[in-house]
Amino acid sequence: MVHQPGKFYILVETEKESMESVFYFLKENKYSVYLNPDPDIINKYLSSEKNAVIIKPLVSEAPLQNIKDVNTITIEKMLVDIFYDDIIFSAQQGSEMKNIFNEAIKKYTVNESRMLRYADRRRRKEDLIKYLKTISTKPHAKLDFGTKSNLLPVLEIHPFGNRL
């Protein structure tokens, strides 16, 4: 990121059935926690919080990975979520989002089909394809996202440098 946000949210995504249990557990442990807040709550209350925890439902079939027995998100999920949720990720919109996408594609291995499948689950596949066509990490690359040709490298991301 070029700009550093002044506030941070901790996002916890879990199955709908366990959201309230997670909420109460964190509340009992003195966290400033919000259960699936709507945009109005986010704008009114979270904007003044420095380290709020937001509990949200995990989208079914979201791309996850297991690192050292901890389930965490993939780079593809992170990119789609930044694109999809312009309220929670308001600091990462506009030119910042373009920079995030370009740097992610340049520095990491992004699985295009996994990213587009997840975008489809979030009902934003076509919008994401249009957006991807407007950005380029390689000046001479022919961008043809969303077709059978896979223009992004296809390997999994492992943040600790372990590639399969």
N, C-alpha and C. Protein backbone atom coordinates (compact mmCIF):
# COMPACT_ATOMS: atom_id res chain seq x y z
N MET A 1 0.84 -1.18 0.00
CA MET A 1 0.00 0.00 0.00
C MET A 1 0.88 1.24 0.00
N VAL A 2 0.46 2.22 -0.71
CA VAL A 2 1.17 3.49 -0.75
C VAL A 2 0.85 4.29 0.51
N HIS A 3 -0.42 4.34 0.87
CA HIS A 3 -0.86 5.08 2.05
C HIS A 3 -1.14 4.10 3.18
N GLN A 4 -0.83 4.51 4.39
CA GLN A 4 -1.08 3.68 5.55
C GLN A 4 -2.33 4.18 6.27
N PRO A 5 -3.32 3.29 6.48
CA PRO A 5 -4.53 3.73 7.18
C PRO A 5 -4.23 4.05 8.64
N GLY A 6 -4.98 4.98 9.21
CA GLY A 6 -4.79 5.37 10.59
C GLY A 6 -5.60 4.53 11.56
N LYS A 7 -6.47 3.71 11.05
CA LYS A 7 -7.27 2.83 11.90
C LYS A 7 -7.25 1.43 11.31
N PHE A 8 -7.46 0.47 12.16
CA PHE A 8 -7.39 -0.92 11.72
C PHE A 8 -8.60 -1.68 12.23
N TYR A 9 -9.09 -2.56 11.39
CA TYR A 9 -10.16 -3.47 11.78
C TYR A 9 -9.58 -4.87 11.77
N ILE A 10 -10.01 -5.66 12.72
CA ILE A 10 -9.70 -7.07 12.69
C ILE A 10 -10.97 -7.75 12.20
N LEU A 11 -10.88 -8.41 11.07
CA LEU A 11 -12.05 -9.10 10.51
C LEU A 11 -12.01 -10.57 10.90
N VAL A 12 -13.10 -11.02 11.46
CA VAL A 12 -13.24 -12.43 11.80
C VAL A 12 -14.44 -12.93 11.03
N GLU A 13 -14.21 -13.84 10.11
CA GLU A 13 -15.31 -14.41 9.34
C GLU A 13 -15.49 -15.85 9.79
N THR A 14 -16.71 -16.19 10.10
CA THR A 14 -17.01 -17.52 10.59
C THR A 14 -18.37 -17.95 10.07
N GLU A 15 -18.68 -19.23 10.23
CA GLU A 15 -19.97 -19.72 9.79
C GLU A 15 -21.07 -18.97 10.54
N LYS A 16 -22.20 -18.77 9.88
CA LYS A 16 -23.30 -18.00 10.47
C LYS A 16 -23.71 -18.54 11.83
N GLU A 17 -23.70 -19.87 11.97
CA GLU A 17 -24.15 -20.50 13.20
C GLU A 17 -23.25 -20.18 14.40
N SER A 18 -22.00 -19.84 14.16
CA SER A 18 -21.09 -19.59 15.27
C SER A 18 -20.78 -18.10 15.49
N MET A 19 -21.39 -17.23 14.72
CA MET A 19 -21.10 -15.80 14.83
C MET A 19 -21.37 -15.24 16.23
N GLU A 20 -22.51 -15.56 16.80
CA GLU A 20 -22.84 -15.03 18.12
C GLU A 20 -21.91 -15.58 19.19
N SER A 21 -21.55 -16.84 19.11
CA SER A 21 -20.62 -17.42 20.09
C SER A 21 -19.27 -16.72 20.04
N VAL A 22 -18.79 -16.48 18.84
CA VAL A 22 -17.52 -15.78 18.68
C VAL A 22 -17.64 -14.35 19.21
N PHE A 23 -18.75 -13.70 18.89
CA PHE A 23 -18.99 -12.34 19.38
C PHE A 23 -18.92 -12.27 20.90
N TYR A 24 -19.66 -13.16 21.59
CA TYR A 24 -19.69 -13.12 23.05
C TYR A 24 -18.35 -13.52 23.67
N PHE A 25 -17.67 -14.45 23.05
CA PHE A 25 -16.33 -14.82 23.53
C PHE A 25 -15.39 -13.62 23.50
N LEU A 26 -15.37 -12.92 22.38
CA LEU A 26 -14.49 -11.75 22.26
C LEU A 26 -14.93 -10.61 23.18
N LYS A 27 -16.24 -10.43 23.31
CA LYS A 27 -16.77 -9.39 24.20
C LYS A 27 -16.35 -9.66 25.64
N GLU A 28 -16.45 -10.93 26.07
CA GLU A 28 -16.04 -11.30 27.43
C GLU A 28 -14.55 -11.07 27.66
N ASN A 29 -13.78 -11.12 26.58
CA ASN A 29 -12.34 -10.91 26.69
C ASN A 29 -11.94 -9.46 26.39
N LYS A 30 -12.92 -8.56 26.54
CA LYS A 30 -12.69 -7.11 26.50
C LYS A 30 -12.28 -6.55 25.14
N TYR A 31 -12.69 -7.21 24.08
CA TYR A 31 -12.45 -6.66 22.75
C TYR A 31 -13.60 -5.74 22.37
N SER A 32 -13.30 -4.72 21.59
CA SER A 32 -14.32 -3.86 21.03
C SER A 32 -14.82 -4.57 19.78
N VAL A 33 -15.96 -5.23 19.88
CA VAL A 33 -16.40 -6.14 18.83
C VAL A 33 -17.78 -5.76 18.31
N TYR A 34 -17.97 -5.94 16.99
CA TYR A 34 -19.23 -5.62 16.33
C TYR A 34 -19.68 -6.84 15.54
N LEU A 35 -20.94 -7.20 15.71
CA LEU A 35 -21.50 -8.37 15.04
C LEU A 35 -22.15 -7.94 13.73
N ASN A 36 -21.52 -8.28 12.62
CA ASN A 36 -22.04 -8.02 11.28
C ASN A 36 -22.63 -6.60 11.14
N PRO A 37 -21.83 -5.58 11.39
CA PRO A 37 -22.37 -4.21 11.38
C PRO A 37 -22.77 -3.76 9.97
N ASP A 38 -23.84 -2.98 9.91
CA ASP A 38 -24.26 -2.42 8.62
C ASP A 38 -23.43 -1.15 8.35
N PRO A 39 -23.51 -0.61 7.15
CA PRO A 39 -22.71 0.58 6.82
C PRO A 39 -22.93 1.76 7.76
N ASP A 40 -24.16 1.93 8.24
CA ASP A 40 -24.45 3.04 9.15
C ASP A 40 -23.69 2.88 10.46
N ILE A 41 -23.68 1.68 11.03
CA ILE A 41 -22.95 1.41 12.27
C ILE A 41 -21.45 1.61 12.05
N ILE A 42 -20.96 1.13 10.93
CA ILE A 42 -19.53 1.28 10.63
C ILE A 42 -19.16 2.75 10.56
N ASN A 43 -19.95 3.55 9.86
CA ASN A 43 -19.64 4.97 9.73
C ASN A 43 -19.79 5.74 11.04
N LYS A 44 -20.80 5.39 11.84
CA LYS A 44 -21.05 6.12 13.09
C LYS A 44 -20.10 5.73 14.22
N TYR A 45 -19.82 4.43 14.36
CA TYR A 45 -19.12 3.97 15.55
C TYR A 45 -17.71 3.45 15.29
N LEU A 46 -17.53 2.73 14.22
CA LEU A 46 -16.22 2.14 13.98
C LEU A 46 -15.20 3.16 13.49
N SER A 47 -15.67 4.25 12.93
CA SER A 47 -14.74 5.25 12.41
C SER A 47 -13.89 5.87 13.52
N SER A 48 -14.38 5.85 14.76
CA SER A 48 -13.62 6.42 15.87
C SER A 48 -12.82 5.36 16.63
N GLU A 49 -12.99 4.10 16.29
CA GLU A 49 -12.27 3.00 16.95
C GLU A 49 -10.94 2.76 16.26
N LYS A 50 -9.94 2.43 17.04
CA LYS A 50 -8.62 2.15 16.47
C LYS A 50 -8.44 0.68 16.10
N ASN A 51 -8.92 -0.23 16.93
CA ASN A 51 -8.70 -1.67 16.69
C ASN A 51 -9.98 -2.46 16.93
N ALA A 52 -11.01 -2.14 16.21
CA ALA A 52 -12.28 -2.83 16.36
C ALA A 52 -12.23 -4.20 15.69
N VAL A 53 -12.98 -5.13 16.28
CA VAL A 53 -13.12 -6.47 15.71
C VAL A 53 -14.50 -6.55 15.08
N ILE A 54 -14.53 -6.96 13.83
CA ILE A 54 -15.79 -7.09 13.10
C ILE A 54 -16.02 -8.57 12.83
N ILE A 55 -17.15 -9.08 13.28
CA ILE A 55 -17.54 -10.47 13.04
C ILE A 55 -18.49 -10.47 11.86
N LYS A 56 -18.13 -11.23 10.82
CA LYS A 56 -18.96 -11.31 9.62
C LYS A 56 -19.17 -12.77 9.24
N PRO A 57 -20.25 -13.05 8.52
CA PRO A 57 -20.44 -14.43 8.06
C PRO A 57 -19.44 -14.77 6.95
N LEU A 58 -18.91 -15.96 7.02
CA LEU A 58 -18.00 -16.44 5.99
C LEU A 58 -18.81 -16.85 4.77
N VAL A 59 -18.47 -16.32 3.62
CA VAL A 59 -19.15 -16.66 2.38
C VAL A 59 -18.85 -18.12 2.07
N SER A 60 -19.88 -18.88 1.74
CA SER A 60 -19.66 -20.30 1.43
C SER A 60 -18.70 -20.45 0.25
N GLU A 61 -17.87 -21.44 0.35
CA GLU A 61 -16.86 -21.76 -0.68
C GLU A 61 -15.82 -20.65 -0.85
N ALA A 62 -15.63 -19.84 0.18
CA ALA A 62 -14.58 -18.81 0.14
C ALA A 62 -13.22 -19.52 0.08
N PRO A 63 -12.29 -19.00 -0.73
CA PRO A 63 -10.98 -19.64 -0.82
C PRO A 63 -10.16 -19.43 0.46
N LEU A 64 -9.89 -20.52 1.14
CA LEU A 64 -9.12 -20.50 2.38
C LEU A 64 -7.91 -21.40 2.23
N GLN A 65 -6.96 -21.22 3.12
CA GLN A 65 -5.80 -22.10 3.15
C GLN A 65 -5.46 -22.38 4.61
N ASN A 66 -4.82 -23.50 4.85
CA ASN A 66 -4.43 -23.89 6.18
C ASN A 66 -2.92 -23.76 6.31
N ILE A 67 -2.49 -22.89 7.22
CA ILE A 67 -1.07 -22.68 7.46
C ILE A 67 -0.79 -23.02 8.92
N LYS A 68 -0.01 -24.05 9.12
CA LYS A 68 0.36 -24.48 10.48
C LYS A 68 -0.87 -24.66 11.35
N ASP A 69 -1.87 -25.37 10.81
CA ASP A 69 -3.11 -25.69 11.51
C ASP A 69 -3.99 -24.48 11.81
N VAL A 70 -3.79 -23.40 11.08
CA VAL A 70 -4.64 -22.21 11.22
C VAL A 70 -5.27 -21.92 9.87
N ASN A 71 -6.61 -21.89 9.83
CA ASN A 71 -7.30 -21.54 8.60
C ASN A 71 -7.22 -20.03 8.41
N THR A 72 -6.82 -19.64 7.22
CA THR A 72 -6.70 -18.22 6.90
C THR A 72 -7.11 -18.02 5.45
N ILE A 73 -7.21 -16.78 5.04
CA ILE A 73 -7.68 -16.49 3.69
C ILE A 73 -6.53 -16.61 2.68
N THR A 74 -6.92 -16.68 1.42
CA THR A 74 -5.95 -16.67 0.33
C THR A 74 -5.86 -15.24 -0.22
N ILE A 75 -4.84 -15.01 -1.02
CA ILE A 75 -4.68 -13.69 -1.65
C ILE A 75 -5.89 -13.38 -2.54
N GLU A 76 -6.44 -14.42 -3.18
CA GLU A 76 -7.59 -14.21 -4.07
C GLU A 76 -8.80 -13.70 -3.30
N LYS A 77 -9.04 -14.28 -2.12
CA LYS A 77 -10.17 -13.83 -1.29
C LYS A 77 -9.94 -12.39 -0.83
N MET A 78 -8.73 -12.09 -0.42
CA MET A 78 -8.44 -10.73 0.05
C MET A 78 -8.69 -9.71 -1.06
N LEU A 79 -8.24 -10.00 -2.26
CA LEU A 79 -8.43 -9.06 -3.37
C LEU A 79 -9.91 -8.87 -3.70
N VAL A 80 -10.65 -9.96 -3.76
CA VAL A 80 -12.08 -9.86 -4.07
C VAL A 80 -12.82 -9.11 -2.95
N ASP A 81 -12.47 -9.37 -1.70
CA ASP A 81 -13.14 -8.69 -0.60
C ASP A 81 -12.86 -7.19 -0.63
N ILE A 82 -11.63 -6.80 -0.93
CA ILE A 82 -11.32 -5.37 -1.05
C ILE A 82 -12.14 -4.75 -2.17
N PHE A 83 -12.27 -5.47 -3.29
CA PHE A 83 -13.05 -4.97 -4.42
C PHE A 83 -14.54 -4.90 -4.07
N TYR A 84 -15.03 -5.93 -3.37
CA TYR A 84 -16.46 -6.06 -3.09
C TYR A 84 -16.95 -5.10 -2.01
N ASP A 85 -16.21 -4.99 -0.93
CA ASP A 85 -16.70 -4.28 0.25
C ASP A 85 -16.05 -2.91 0.38
N ASP A 86 -16.66 -1.92 -0.23
CA ASP A 86 -16.09 -0.58 -0.21
C ASP A 86 -16.41 0.19 1.06
N ILE A 87 -17.13 -0.43 1.99
CA ILE A 87 -17.38 0.20 3.29
C ILE A 87 -16.25 -0.17 4.26
N ILE A 88 -16.09 -1.45 4.50
CA ILE A 88 -15.03 -1.90 5.42
C ILE A 88 -13.66 -1.55 4.86
N PHE A 89 -13.50 -1.69 3.56
CA PHE A 89 -12.21 -1.41 2.93
C PHE A 89 -12.20 -0.04 2.25
N SER A 90 -12.83 0.93 2.87
CA SER A 90 -12.91 2.26 2.26
C SER A 90 -11.54 2.89 2.06
N ALA A 91 -10.59 2.62 2.94
CA ALA A 91 -9.24 3.20 2.81
C ALA A 91 -8.46 2.55 1.67
N GLN A 92 -8.95 1.43 1.15
CA GLN A 92 -8.25 0.72 0.09
C GLN A 92 -8.96 0.84 -1.25
N GLN A 93 -9.72 1.88 -1.46
CA GLN A 93 -10.44 2.06 -2.72
C GLN A 93 -9.69 3.01 -3.64
N GLY A 94 -10.19 3.17 -4.85
CA GLY A 94 -9.62 4.11 -5.82
C GLY A 94 -8.22 3.71 -6.26
N SER A 95 -7.32 4.68 -6.31
CA SER A 95 -5.96 4.40 -6.78
C SER A 95 -5.23 3.45 -5.83
N GLU A 96 -5.62 3.45 -4.56
CA GLU A 96 -4.99 2.53 -3.59
C GLU A 96 -5.33 1.08 -3.94
N MET A 97 -6.58 0.83 -4.36
CA MET A 97 -6.98 -0.52 -4.73
C MET A 97 -6.21 -0.96 -5.98
N LYS A 98 -6.06 -0.07 -6.93
CA LYS A 98 -5.30 -0.39 -8.14
C LYS A 98 -3.87 -0.77 -7.76
N ASN A 99 -3.27 -0.01 -6.87
CA ASN A 99 -1.91 -0.30 -6.41
C ASN A 99 -1.85 -1.65 -5.70
N ILE A 100 -2.84 -1.94 -4.86
CA ILE A 100 -2.87 -3.23 -4.15
C ILE A 100 -2.96 -4.38 -5.14
N PHE A 101 -3.86 -4.28 -6.11
CA PHE A 101 -4.01 -5.33 -7.11
C PHE A 101 -2.72 -5.50 -7.91
N ASN A 102 -2.16 -4.40 -8.38
CA ASN A 102 -0.93 -4.49 -9.18
C ASN A 102 0.22 -5.11 -8.39
N GLU A 103 0.40 -4.68 -7.16
CA GLU A 103 1.49 -5.22 -6.34
C GLU A 103 1.24 -6.69 -6.00
N ALA A 104 0.01 -7.05 -5.70
CA ALA A 104 -0.31 -8.45 -5.39
C ALA A 104 -0.03 -9.35 -6.58
N ILE A 105 -0.44 -8.90 -7.76
CA ILE A 105 -0.25 -9.71 -8.97
C ILE A 105 1.23 -9.78 -9.32
N LYS A 106 1.97 -8.70 -9.06
CA LYS A 106 3.39 -8.66 -9.38
C LYS A 106 4.22 -9.50 -8.39
N LYS A 107 3.89 -9.42 -7.11
CA LYS A 107 4.72 -10.04 -6.08
C LYS A 107 4.31 -11.45 -5.70
N TYR A 108 3.05 -11.79 -5.88
CA TYR A 108 2.54 -13.08 -5.45
C TYR A 108 1.97 -13.83 -6.63
N THR A 109 1.72 -15.08 -6.40
CA THR A 109 1.07 -15.88 -7.42
C THR A 109 -0.42 -15.87 -7.14
N VAL A 110 -1.19 -15.33 -8.06
CA VAL A 110 -2.63 -15.21 -7.90
C VAL A 110 -3.30 -16.17 -8.87
N ASN A 111 -4.19 -16.98 -8.35
CA ASN A 111 -4.92 -17.93 -9.17
C ASN A 111 -6.18 -17.23 -9.70
N GLU A 112 -6.14 -16.88 -10.99
CA GLU A 112 -7.24 -16.12 -11.58
C GLU A 112 -8.57 -16.86 -11.49
N SER A 113 -8.58 -18.15 -11.78
CA SER A 113 -9.85 -18.88 -11.76
C SER A 113 -10.42 -18.95 -10.35
N ARG A 114 -9.57 -19.10 -9.34
CA ARG A 114 -10.04 -19.11 -7.95
C ARG A 114 -10.61 -17.74 -7.58
N MET A 115 -9.93 -16.68 -8.01
CA MET A 115 -10.38 -15.32 -7.71
C MET A 115 -11.73 -15.04 -8.38
N LEU A 116 -11.87 -15.42 -9.64
CA LEU A 116 -13.12 -15.16 -10.36
C LEU A 116 -14.26 -16.03 -9.84
N ARG A 117 -13.95 -17.24 -9.42
CA ARG A 117 -14.99 -18.11 -8.86
C ARG A 117 -15.54 -17.51 -7.57
N TYR A 118 -14.63 -17.01 -6.73
CA TYR A 118 -15.07 -16.38 -5.48
C TYR A 118 -15.84 -15.08 -5.77
N ALA A 119 -15.38 -14.32 -6.74
CA ALA A 119 -16.10 -13.10 -7.13
C ALA A 119 -17.51 -13.46 -7.62
N ASP A 120 -17.63 -14.58 -8.29
CA ASP A 120 -18.94 -15.05 -8.75
C ASP A 120 -19.83 -15.40 -7.55
N ARG A 121 -19.25 -16.00 -6.51
CA ARG A 121 -20.01 -16.32 -5.30
C ARG A 121 -20.51 -15.03 -4.64
N ARG A 122 -19.76 -13.94 -4.80
CA ARG A 122 -20.13 -12.66 -4.22
C ARG A 122 -20.96 -11.82 -5.21
N ARG A 123 -21.28 -12.41 -6.35
CA ARG A 123 -22.09 -11.77 -7.40
C ARG A 123 -21.43 -10.51 -7.97
N ARG A 124 -20.11 -10.57 -8.11
CA ARG A 124 -19.38 -9.43 -8.67
C ARG A 124 -18.37 -9.85 -9.73
N LYS A 125 -18.53 -11.03 -10.28
CA LYS A 125 -17.56 -11.54 -11.24
C LYS A 125 -17.39 -10.62 -12.44
N GLU A 126 -18.48 -10.23 -13.06
CA GLU A 126 -18.40 -9.39 -14.27
C GLU A 126 -17.77 -8.04 -13.95
N ASP A 127 -18.14 -7.47 -12.80
CA ASP A 127 -17.55 -6.19 -12.39
C ASP A 127 -16.05 -6.34 -12.16
N LEU A 128 -15.64 -7.44 -11.55
CA LEU A 128 -14.22 -7.66 -11.29
C LEU A 128 -13.46 -7.87 -12.60
N ILE A 129 -14.04 -8.60 -13.53
CA ILE A 129 -13.40 -8.79 -14.83
C ILE A 129 -13.18 -7.44 -15.51
N LYS A 130 -14.20 -6.59 -15.49
CA LYS A 130 -14.06 -5.25 -16.09
C LYS A 130 -12.95 -4.46 -15.40
N TYR A 131 -12.91 -4.55 -14.07
CA TYR A 131 -11.89 -3.83 -13.32
C TYR A 131 -10.49 -4.35 -13.66
N LEU A 132 -10.34 -5.66 -13.70
CA LEU A 132 -9.03 -6.26 -14.00
C LEU A 132 -8.53 -5.85 -15.38
N LYS A 133 -9.45 -5.64 -16.30
CA LYS A 133 -9.05 -5.21 -17.65
C LYS A 133 -8.52 -3.78 -17.66
N THR A 134 -8.84 -3.01 -16.62
CA THR A 134 -8.39 -1.61 -16.58
C THR A 134 -7.03 -1.45 -15.92
N ILE A 135 -6.56 -2.51 -15.26
CA ILE A 135 -5.26 -2.42 -14.60
C ILE A 135 -4.29 -3.36 -15.29
N SER A 136 -3.03 -3.06 -15.19
CA SER A 136 -2.03 -3.91 -15.80
C SER A 136 -0.73 -3.83 -15.02
N THR A 137 -0.16 -4.99 -14.72
CA THR A 137 1.14 -5.00 -14.06
C THR A 137 2.25 -5.12 -15.09
N LYS A 138 1.90 -5.49 -16.30
CA LYS A 138 2.88 -5.61 -17.38
C LYS A 138 2.43 -4.74 -18.53
N PRO A 139 3.21 -3.76 -18.93
CA PRO A 139 2.76 -2.80 -19.94
C PRO A 139 2.40 -3.43 -21.28
N HIS A 140 3.00 -4.55 -21.64
CA HIS A 140 2.73 -5.14 -22.94
C HIS A 140 1.84 -6.37 -22.87
N ALA A 141 1.31 -6.66 -21.68
CA ALA A 141 0.46 -7.85 -21.54
C ALA A 141 -0.89 -7.60 -22.17
N LYS A 142 -1.38 -8.59 -22.87
CA LYS A 142 -2.73 -8.52 -23.43
C LYS A 142 -3.69 -8.98 -22.34
N LEU A 143 -4.49 -8.09 -21.83
CA LEU A 143 -5.40 -8.45 -20.76
C LEU A 143 -6.66 -9.06 -21.34
N ASP A 144 -6.95 -10.25 -20.90
CA ASP A 144 -8.11 -10.97 -21.39
C ASP A 144 -8.72 -11.75 -20.24
N PHE A 145 -8.95 -11.08 -19.12
CA PHE A 145 -9.46 -11.74 -17.93
C PHE A 145 -10.85 -12.28 -18.18
N GLY A 146 -11.12 -13.40 -17.53
CA GLY A 146 -12.44 -13.96 -17.59
C GLY A 146 -12.67 -14.88 -18.77
N THR A 147 -11.64 -15.11 -19.56
CA THR A 147 -11.76 -16.06 -20.66
C THR A 147 -10.98 -17.31 -20.30
N LYS A 148 -10.93 -18.26 -21.21
CA LYS A 148 -10.25 -19.52 -20.94
C LYS A 148 -8.75 -19.34 -20.75
N SER A 149 -8.16 -18.32 -21.37
CA SER A 149 -6.72 -18.12 -21.19
C SER A 149 -6.47 -17.59 -19.79
N ASN A 150 -5.47 -18.14 -19.15
CA ASN A 150 -5.16 -17.77 -17.78
C ASN A 150 -3.96 -16.85 -17.80
N LEU A 151 -4.17 -15.55 -17.68
CA LEU A 151 -3.08 -14.60 -17.80
C LEU A 151 -2.34 -14.36 -16.50
N LEU A 152 -2.96 -14.70 -15.37
CA LEU A 152 -2.27 -14.57 -14.11
C LEU A 152 -1.60 -15.91 -13.80
N PRO A 153 -0.44 -15.91 -13.16
CA PRO A 153 0.19 -17.18 -12.80
C PRO A 153 -0.74 -17.99 -11.90
N VAL A 154 -0.66 -19.30 -12.02
CA VAL A 154 -1.55 -20.15 -11.25
C VAL A 154 -0.71 -21.01 -10.30
N LEU A 155 -0.48 -20.52 -9.13
CA LEU A 155 0.14 -21.24 -8.03
C LEU A 155 -0.48 -20.71 -6.76
N GLU A 156 -0.35 -21.45 -5.68
CA GLU A 156 -0.94 -20.99 -4.44
C GLU A 156 0.00 -20.04 -3.72
N ILE A 157 -0.59 -19.14 -2.95
CA ILE A 157 0.17 -18.19 -2.15
C ILE A 157 0.36 -18.77 -0.76
N HIS A 158 1.56 -18.69 -0.28
CA HIS A 158 1.85 -19.06 1.09
C HIS A 158 2.67 -17.93 1.68
N PRO A 159 2.07 -17.12 2.58
CA PRO A 159 2.72 -15.90 3.02
C PRO A 159 4.08 -16.10 3.68
N PHE A 160 4.40 -17.31 4.11
CA PHE A 160 5.68 -17.53 4.75
C PHE A 160 6.73 -18.00 3.77
N GLY A 161 6.46 -17.87 2.48
CA GLY A 161 7.44 -18.20 1.46
C GLY A 161 7.42 -19.64 1.01
N ASN A 162 6.56 -20.47 1.59
CA ASN A 162 6.50 -21.87 1.20
C ASN A 162 5.56 -22.00 0.01
N ARG A 163 6.08 -22.41 -1.11
CA ARG A 163 5.24 -22.60 -2.29
C ARG A 163 5.14 -24.08 -2.58
N LEU A 164 3.93 -24.49 -2.94
CA LEU A 164 3.73 -25.89 -3.33
C LEU A 164 3.89 -26.05 -4.81
